[in-house]
Amino acid sequence: MERARDHIRQHELNKDMRADLRVCLRGGRHTRTATFNLTEADSGSNGFKVVYQAYPGETPIVDGGK
């Protein structure tokens, strides 16, 4: 999740958006050892959103965060 978030931040993919940006989490258990932080900088623009969601037909489980 950090890789996706950091890629969006680094390349400023959420500036001047023309559609929602979707980050799809693959199925399976994603064990966390630290909190996953999002800030205002990780939001969308122009009325569009950055959405973290399950990959179609799969069930991701995120657990263990603080």
PDB file of N, CA and C in Angstrom:
ATOM      1  N   MET A   1       0.823  -1.176   0.000  1.00  0.00           N
ATOM      2  CA  MET A   1       0.000   0.000   0.000  1.00  0.00           C
ATOM      3  C   MET A   1       0.872   1.246   0.000  1.00  0.00           C
ATOM      4  N   GLU A   2       1.999   1.164   0.739  1.00  0.00           N
ATOM      5  CA  GLU A   2       2.903   2.310   0.730  1.00  0.00           C
ATOM      6  C   GLU A   2       3.471   2.562  -0.658  1.00  0.00           C
ATOM      7  N   ARG A   3       3.795   1.479  -1.369  1.00  0.00           N
ATOM      8  CA  ARG A   3       4.345   1.656  -2.725  1.00  0.00           C
ATOM      9  C   ARG A   3       3.372   2.390  -3.621  1.00  0.00           C
ATOM     10  N   ALA A   4       2.101   2.016  -3.560  1.00  0.00           N
ATOM     11  CA  ALA A   4       1.097   2.685  -4.384  1.00  0.00           C
ATOM     12  C   ALA A   4       0.940   4.138  -3.957  1.00  0.00           C
ATOM     13  N   ARG A   5       0.819   4.362  -2.643  1.00  0.00           N
ATOM     14  CA  ARG A   5       0.658   5.726  -2.131  1.00  0.00           C
ATOM     15  C   ARG A   5       1.847   6.599  -2.515  1.00  0.00           C
ATOM     16  N   ASP A   6       3.049   6.071  -2.324  1.00  0.00           N
ATOM     17  CA  ASP A   6       4.254   6.846  -2.625  1.00  0.00           C
ATOM     18  C   ASP A   6       4.412   7.101  -4.115  1.00  0.00           C
ATOM     19  N   HIS A   7       4.007   6.148  -4.951  1.00  0.00           N
ATOM     20  CA  HIS A   7       4.058   6.340  -6.413  1.00  0.00           C
ATOM     21  C   HIS A   7       3.120   7.480  -6.817  1.00  0.00           C
ATOM     22  N   ILE A   8       1.927   7.489  -6.265  1.00  0.00           N
ATOM     23  CA  ILE A   8       0.970   8.562  -6.566  1.00  0.00           C
ATOM     24  C   ILE A   8       1.530   9.900  -6.118  1.00  0.00           C
ATOM     25  N   ARG A   9       2.130   9.930  -4.918  1.00  0.00           N
ATOM     26  CA  ARG A   9       2.719  11.177  -4.407  1.00  0.00           C
ATOM     27  C   ARG A   9       3.878  11.642  -5.283  1.00  0.00           C
ATOM     28  N   GLN A  10       4.800  10.735  -5.579  1.00  0.00           N
ATOM     29  CA  GLN A  10       6.017  11.088  -6.312  1.00  0.00           C
ATOM     30  C   GLN A  10       5.698  11.619  -7.701  1.00  0.00           C
ATOM     31  N   HIS A  11       4.742  10.997  -8.370  1.00  0.00           N
ATOM     32  CA  HIS A  11       4.425  11.385  -9.744  1.00  0.00           C
ATOM     33  C   HIS A  11       3.258  12.354  -9.825  1.00  0.00           C
ATOM     34  N   GLU A  12       2.773  12.782  -8.647  1.00  0.00           N
ATOM     35  CA  GLU A  12       1.674  13.749  -8.561  1.00  0.00           C
ATOM     36  C   GLU A  12       0.503  13.339  -9.454  1.00  0.00           C
ATOM     37  N   LEU A  13       0.158  12.049  -9.399  1.00  0.00           N
ATOM     38  CA  LEU A  13      -0.926  11.537 -10.232  1.00  0.00           C
ATOM     39  C   LEU A  13      -2.285  12.073  -9.810  1.00  0.00           C
ATOM     40  N   ASN A  14      -2.364  12.621  -8.592  1.00  0.00           N
ATOM     41  CA  ASN A  14      -3.649  13.136  -8.105  1.00  0.00           C
ATOM     42  C   ASN A  14      -3.790  14.646  -8.323  1.00  0.00           C
ATOM     43  N   LYS A  15      -2.958  15.233  -9.136  1.00  0.00           N
ATOM     44  CA  LYS A  15      -3.100  16.649  -9.504  1.00  0.00           C
ATOM     45  C   LYS A  15      -3.852  16.726 -10.823  1.00  0.00           C
ATOM     46  N   ASP A  16      -4.739  17.679 -10.948  1.00  0.00           N
ATOM     47  CA  ASP A  16      -5.493  17.871 -12.186  1.00  0.00           C
ATOM     48  C   ASP A  16      -6.172  16.592 -12.667  1.00  0.00           C
ATOM     49  N   MET A  17      -6.827  15.886 -11.741  1.00  0.00           N
ATOM     50  CA  MET A  17      -7.464  14.613 -12.076  1.00  0.00           C
ATOM     51  C   MET A  17      -8.660  14.827 -13.002  1.00  0.00           C
ATOM     52  N   ARG A  18      -8.898  13.846 -13.877  1.00  0.00           N
ATOM     53  CA  ARG A  18     -10.039  13.860 -14.795  1.00  0.00           C
ATOM     54  C   ARG A  18     -10.951  12.666 -14.567  1.00  0.00           C
ATOM     55  N   ALA A  19     -10.570  11.815 -13.597  1.00  0.00           N
ATOM     56  CA  ALA A  19     -11.355  10.637 -13.228  1.00  0.00           C
ATOM     57  C   ALA A  19     -10.851  10.167 -11.873  1.00  0.00           C
ATOM     58  N   ASP A  20     -11.632   9.297 -11.213  1.00  0.00           N
ATOM     59  CA  ASP A  20     -11.164   8.717  -9.955  1.00  0.00           C
ATOM     60  C   ASP A  20      -9.937   7.862 -10.230  1.00  0.00           C
ATOM     61  N   LEU A  21      -9.033   7.820  -9.268  1.00  0.00           N
ATOM     62  CA  LEU A  21      -7.834   6.981  -9.343  1.00  0.00           C
ATOM     63  C   LEU A  21      -8.041   5.828  -8.375  1.00  0.00           C
ATOM     64  N   ARG A  22      -7.965   4.600  -8.864  1.00  0.00           N
ATOM     65  CA  ARG A  22      -8.245   3.429  -8.045  1.00  0.00           C
ATOM     66  C   ARG A  22      -6.978   2.628  -7.809  1.00  0.00           C
ATOM     67  N   VAL A  23      -6.737   2.293  -6.539  1.00  0.00           N
ATOM     68  CA  VAL A  23      -5.655   1.410  -6.134  1.00  0.00           C
ATOM     69  C   VAL A  23      -6.320   0.109  -5.732  1.00  0.00           C
ATOM     70  N   CYS A  24      -6.066  -0.965  -6.478  1.00  0.00           N
ATOM     71  CA  CYS A  24      -6.724  -2.247  -6.227  1.00  0.00           C
ATOM     72  C   CYS A  24      -5.810  -3.156  -5.410  1.00  0.00           C
ATOM     73  N   LEU A  25      -6.323  -3.603  -4.264  1.00  0.00           N
ATOM     74  CA  LEU A  25      -5.587  -4.521  -3.398  1.00  0.00           C
ATOM     75  C   LEU A  25      -5.915  -5.949  -3.801  1.00  0.00           C
ATOM     76  N   ARG A  26      -4.885  -6.751  -4.031  1.00  0.00           N
ATOM     77  CA  ARG A  26      -5.088  -8.150  -4.402  1.00  0.00           C
ATOM     78  C   ARG A  26      -5.588  -8.937  -3.202  1.00  0.00           C
ATOM     79  N   GLY A  27      -6.215 -10.063  -3.487  1.00  0.00           N
ATOM     80  CA  GLY A  27      -6.762 -10.903  -2.430  1.00  0.00           C
ATOM     81  C   GLY A  27      -5.677 -11.495  -1.549  1.00  0.00           C
ATOM     82  N   GLY A  28      -6.081 -11.957  -0.389  1.00  0.00           N
ATOM     83  CA  GLY A  28      -5.151 -12.563   0.565  1.00  0.00           C
ATOM     84  C   GLY A  28      -4.969 -11.679   1.777  1.00  0.00           C
ATOM     85  N   ARG A  29      -4.157 -12.171   2.699  1.00  0.00           N
ATOM     86  CA  ARG A  29      -3.918 -11.455   3.946  1.00  0.00           C
ATOM     87  C   ARG A  29      -2.706 -10.549   3.789  1.00  0.00           C
ATOM     88  N   HIS A  30      -2.895  -9.284   4.123  1.00  0.00           N
ATOM     89  CA  HIS A  30      -1.824  -8.286   4.086  1.00  0.00           C
ATOM     90  C   HIS A  30      -1.557  -7.888   5.543  1.00  0.00           C
ATOM     91  N   THR A  31      -0.552  -8.500   6.135  1.00  0.00           N
ATOM     92  CA  THR A  31      -0.247  -8.250   7.540  1.00  0.00           C
ATOM     93  C   THR A  31       0.565  -6.976   7.665  1.00  0.00           C
ATOM     94  N   ARG A  32       0.104  -6.105   8.535  1.00  0.00           N
ATOM     95  CA  ARG A  32       0.734  -4.804   8.750  1.00  0.00           C
ATOM     96  C   ARG A  32       1.527  -4.831  10.044  1.00  0.00           C
ATOM     97  N   THR A  33       2.670  -4.168  10.037  1.00  0.00           N
ATOM     98  CA  THR A  33       3.444  -4.000  11.270  1.00  0.00           C
ATOM     99  C   THR A  33       3.481  -2.535  11.691  1.00  0.00           C
ATOM    100  N   ALA A  34       2.908  -1.678  10.858  1.00  0.00           N
ATOM    101  CA  ALA A  34       2.887  -0.245  11.151  1.00  0.00           C
ATOM    102  C   ALA A  34       1.592   0.347  10.618  1.00  0.00           C
ATOM    103  N   THR A  35       1.274   1.513  11.111  1.00  0.00           N
ATOM    104  CA  THR A  35       0.087   2.232  10.656  1.00  0.00           C
ATOM    105  C   THR A  35       0.280   2.705   9.221  1.00  0.00           C
ATOM    106  N   PHE A  36      -0.782   2.638   8.433  1.00  0.00           N
ATOM    107  CA  PHE A  36      -0.766   3.159   7.072  1.00  0.00           C
ATOM    108  C   PHE A  36      -1.390   4.544   7.127  1.00  0.00           C
ATOM    109  N   ASN A  37      -0.596   5.554   6.842  1.00  0.00           N
ATOM    110  CA  ASN A  37      -1.061   6.936   6.962  1.00  0.00           C
ATOM    111  C   ASN A  37      -1.334   7.568   5.606  1.00  0.00           C
ATOM    112  N   LEU A  38      -2.474   8.220   5.520  1.00  0.00           N
ATOM    113  CA  LEU A  38      -2.821   9.036   4.366  1.00  0.00           C
ATOM    114  C   LEU A  38      -3.036  10.454   4.860  1.00  0.00           C
ATOM    115  N   THR A  39      -2.634  11.424   4.051  1.00  0.00           N
ATOM    116  CA  THR A  39      -2.810  12.823   4.417  1.00  0.00           C
ATOM    117  C   THR A  39      -3.661  13.510   3.346  1.00  0.00           C
ATOM    118  N   GLU A  40      -3.902  14.771   3.545  1.00  0.00           N
ATOM    119  CA  GLU A  40      -4.646  15.555   2.557  1.00  0.00           C
ATOM    120  C   GLU A  40      -3.970  15.489   1.185  1.00  0.00           C
ATOM    121  N   ALA A  41      -2.650  15.369   1.175  1.00  0.00           N
ATOM    122  CA  ALA A  41      -1.902  15.282  -0.077  1.00  0.00           C
ATOM    123  C   ALA A  41      -2.243  14.018  -0.868  1.00  0.00           C
ATOM    124  N   ASP A  42      -2.849  13.030  -0.204  1.00  0.00           N
ATOM    125  CA  ASP A  42      -3.204  11.775  -0.858  1.00  0.00           C
ATOM    126  C   ASP A  42      -4.635  11.771  -1.382  1.00  0.00           C
ATOM    127  N   SER A  43      -5.325  12.890  -1.245  1.00  0.00           N
ATOM    128  CA  SER A  43      -6.698  13.015  -1.723  1.00  0.00           C
ATOM    129  C   SER A  43      -6.709  13.290  -3.221  1.00  0.00           C
ATOM    130  N   GLY A  44      -7.890  13.330  -3.776  1.00  0.00           N
ATOM    131  CA  GLY A  44      -8.042  13.634  -5.191  1.00  0.00           C
ATOM    132  C   GLY A  44      -8.090  15.132  -5.438  1.00  0.00           C
ATOM    133  N   SER A  45      -8.427  15.480  -6.669  1.00  0.00           N
ATOM    134  CA  SER A  45      -8.577  16.882  -7.045  1.00  0.00           C
ATOM    135  C   SER A  45      -9.666  16.992  -8.099  1.00  0.00           C
ATOM    136  N   ASN A  46     -10.124  18.199  -8.325  1.00  0.00           N
ATOM    137  CA  ASN A  46     -11.156  18.476  -9.329  1.00  0.00           C
ATOM    138  C   ASN A  46     -12.438  17.677  -9.093  1.00  0.00           C
ATOM    139  N   GLY A  47     -12.732  17.363  -7.825  1.00  0.00           N
ATOM    140  CA  GLY A  47     -13.942  16.618  -7.505  1.00  0.00           C
ATOM    141  C   GLY A  47     -13.813  15.111  -7.661  1.00  0.00           C
ATOM    142  N   PHE A  48     -12.625  14.624  -7.971  1.00  0.00           N
ATOM    143  CA  PHE A  48     -12.387  13.185  -8.120  1.00  0.00           C
ATOM    144  C   PHE A  48     -11.667  12.647  -6.892  1.00  0.00           C
ATOM    145  N   LYS A  49     -11.668  11.321  -6.732  1.00  0.00           N
ATOM    146  CA  LYS A  49     -11.145  10.684  -5.531  1.00  0.00           C
ATOM    147  C   LYS A  49     -10.005   9.727  -5.857  1.00  0.00           C
ATOM    148  N   VAL A  50      -9.164   9.480  -4.845  1.00  0.00           N
ATOM    149  CA  VAL A  50      -8.223   8.369  -4.862  1.00  0.00           C
ATOM    150  C   VAL A  50      -8.875   7.297  -3.996  1.00  0.00           C
ATOM    151  N   VAL A  51      -9.151   6.136  -4.575  1.00  0.00           N
ATOM    152  CA  VAL A  51      -9.918   5.088  -3.906  1.00  0.00           C
ATOM    153  C   VAL A  51      -9.057   3.834  -3.765  1.00  0.00           C
ATOM    154  N   TYR A  52      -8.944   3.315  -2.543  1.00  0.00           N
ATOM    155  CA  TYR A  52      -8.297   2.030  -2.279  1.00  0.00           C
ATOM    156  C   TYR A  52      -9.418   1.007  -2.187  1.00  0.00           C
ATOM    157  N   GLN A  53      -9.354  -0.043  -3.018  1.00  0.00           N
ATOM    158  CA  GLN A  53     -10.446  -1.002  -3.067  1.00  0.00           C
ATOM    159  C   GLN A  53      -9.909  -2.398  -3.374  1.00  0.00           C
ATOM    160  N   ALA A  54     -10.781  -3.400  -3.208  1.00  0.00           N
ATOM    161  CA  ALA A  54     -10.418  -4.778  -3.535  1.00  0.00           C
ATOM    162  C   ALA A  54     -10.299  -4.944  -5.044  1.00  0.00           C
ATOM    163  N   TYR A  55      -9.354  -5.757  -5.464  1.00  0.00           N
ATOM    164  CA  TYR A  55      -9.254  -6.138  -6.871  1.00  0.00           C
ATOM    165  C   TYR A  55     -10.531  -6.901  -7.219  1.00  0.00           C
ATOM    166  N   PRO A  56     -11.109  -6.684  -8.395  1.00  0.00           N
ATOM    167  CA  PRO A  56     -12.380  -7.334  -8.723  1.00  0.00           C
ATOM    168  C   PRO A  56     -12.349  -8.853  -8.503  1.00  0.00           C
ATOM    169  N   GLY A  57     -13.334  -9.334  -7.760  1.00  0.00           N
ATOM    170  CA  GLY A  57     -13.470 -10.764  -7.498  1.00  0.00           C
ATOM    171  C   GLY A  57     -12.555 -11.317  -6.425  1.00  0.00           C
ATOM    172  N   GLU A  58     -11.784 -10.454  -5.762  1.00  0.00           N
ATOM    173  CA  GLU A  58     -10.857 -10.916  -4.729  1.00  0.00           C
ATOM    174  C   GLU A  58     -11.198 -10.259  -3.394  1.00  0.00           C
ATOM    175  N   THR A  59     -10.715 -10.876  -2.309  1.00  0.00           N
ATOM    176  CA  THR A  59     -10.987 -10.365  -0.968  1.00  0.00           C
ATOM    177  C   THR A  59      -9.667 -10.130  -0.231  1.00  0.00           C
ATOM    178  N   PRO A  60      -9.185  -8.907  -0.203  1.00  0.00           N
ATOM    179  CA  PRO A  60      -7.989  -8.611   0.585  1.00  0.00           C
ATOM    180  C   PRO A  60      -8.374  -8.438   2.060  1.00  0.00           C
ATOM    181  N   ILE A  61      -7.487  -8.894   2.931  1.00  0.00           N
ATOM    182  CA  ILE A  61      -7.662  -8.719   4.373  1.00  0.00           C
ATOM    183  C   ILE A  61      -6.439  -7.968   4.877  1.00  0.00           C
ATOM    184  N   VAL A  62      -6.643  -6.779   5.396  1.00  0.00           N
ATOM    185  CA  VAL A  62      -5.556  -5.967   5.946  1.00  0.00           C
ATOM    186  C   VAL A  62      -5.674  -6.046   7.457  1.00  0.00           C
ATOM    187  N   ASP A  63      -4.622  -6.542   8.125  1.00  0.00           N
ATOM    188  CA  ASP A  63      -4.708  -6.656   9.590  1.00  0.00           C
ATOM    189  C   ASP A  63      -3.365  -6.393  10.249  1.00  0.00           C
ATOM    190  N   GLY A  64      -3.426  -6.170  11.549  1.00  0.00           N
ATOM    191  CA  GLY A  64      -2.222  -6.024  12.350  1.00  0.00           C
ATOM    192  C   GLY A  64      -1.682  -4.617  12.455  1.00  0.00           C
ATOM    193  N   GLY A  65      -2.361  -3.623  11.890  1.00  0.00           N
ATOM    194  CA  GLY A  65      -1.874  -2.250  11.981  1.00  0.00           C
ATOM    195  C   GLY A  65      -1.992  -1.711  13.389  1.00  0.00           C
ATOM    196  N   LYS A  66      -1.304  -0.623  13.630  1.00  0.00           N
ATOM    197  CA  LYS A  66      -1.351   0.024  14.953  1.00  0.00           C
ATOM    198  C   LYS A  66      -2.151   1.297  14.843  1.00  0.00           C
TER     199      LYS A  66
END
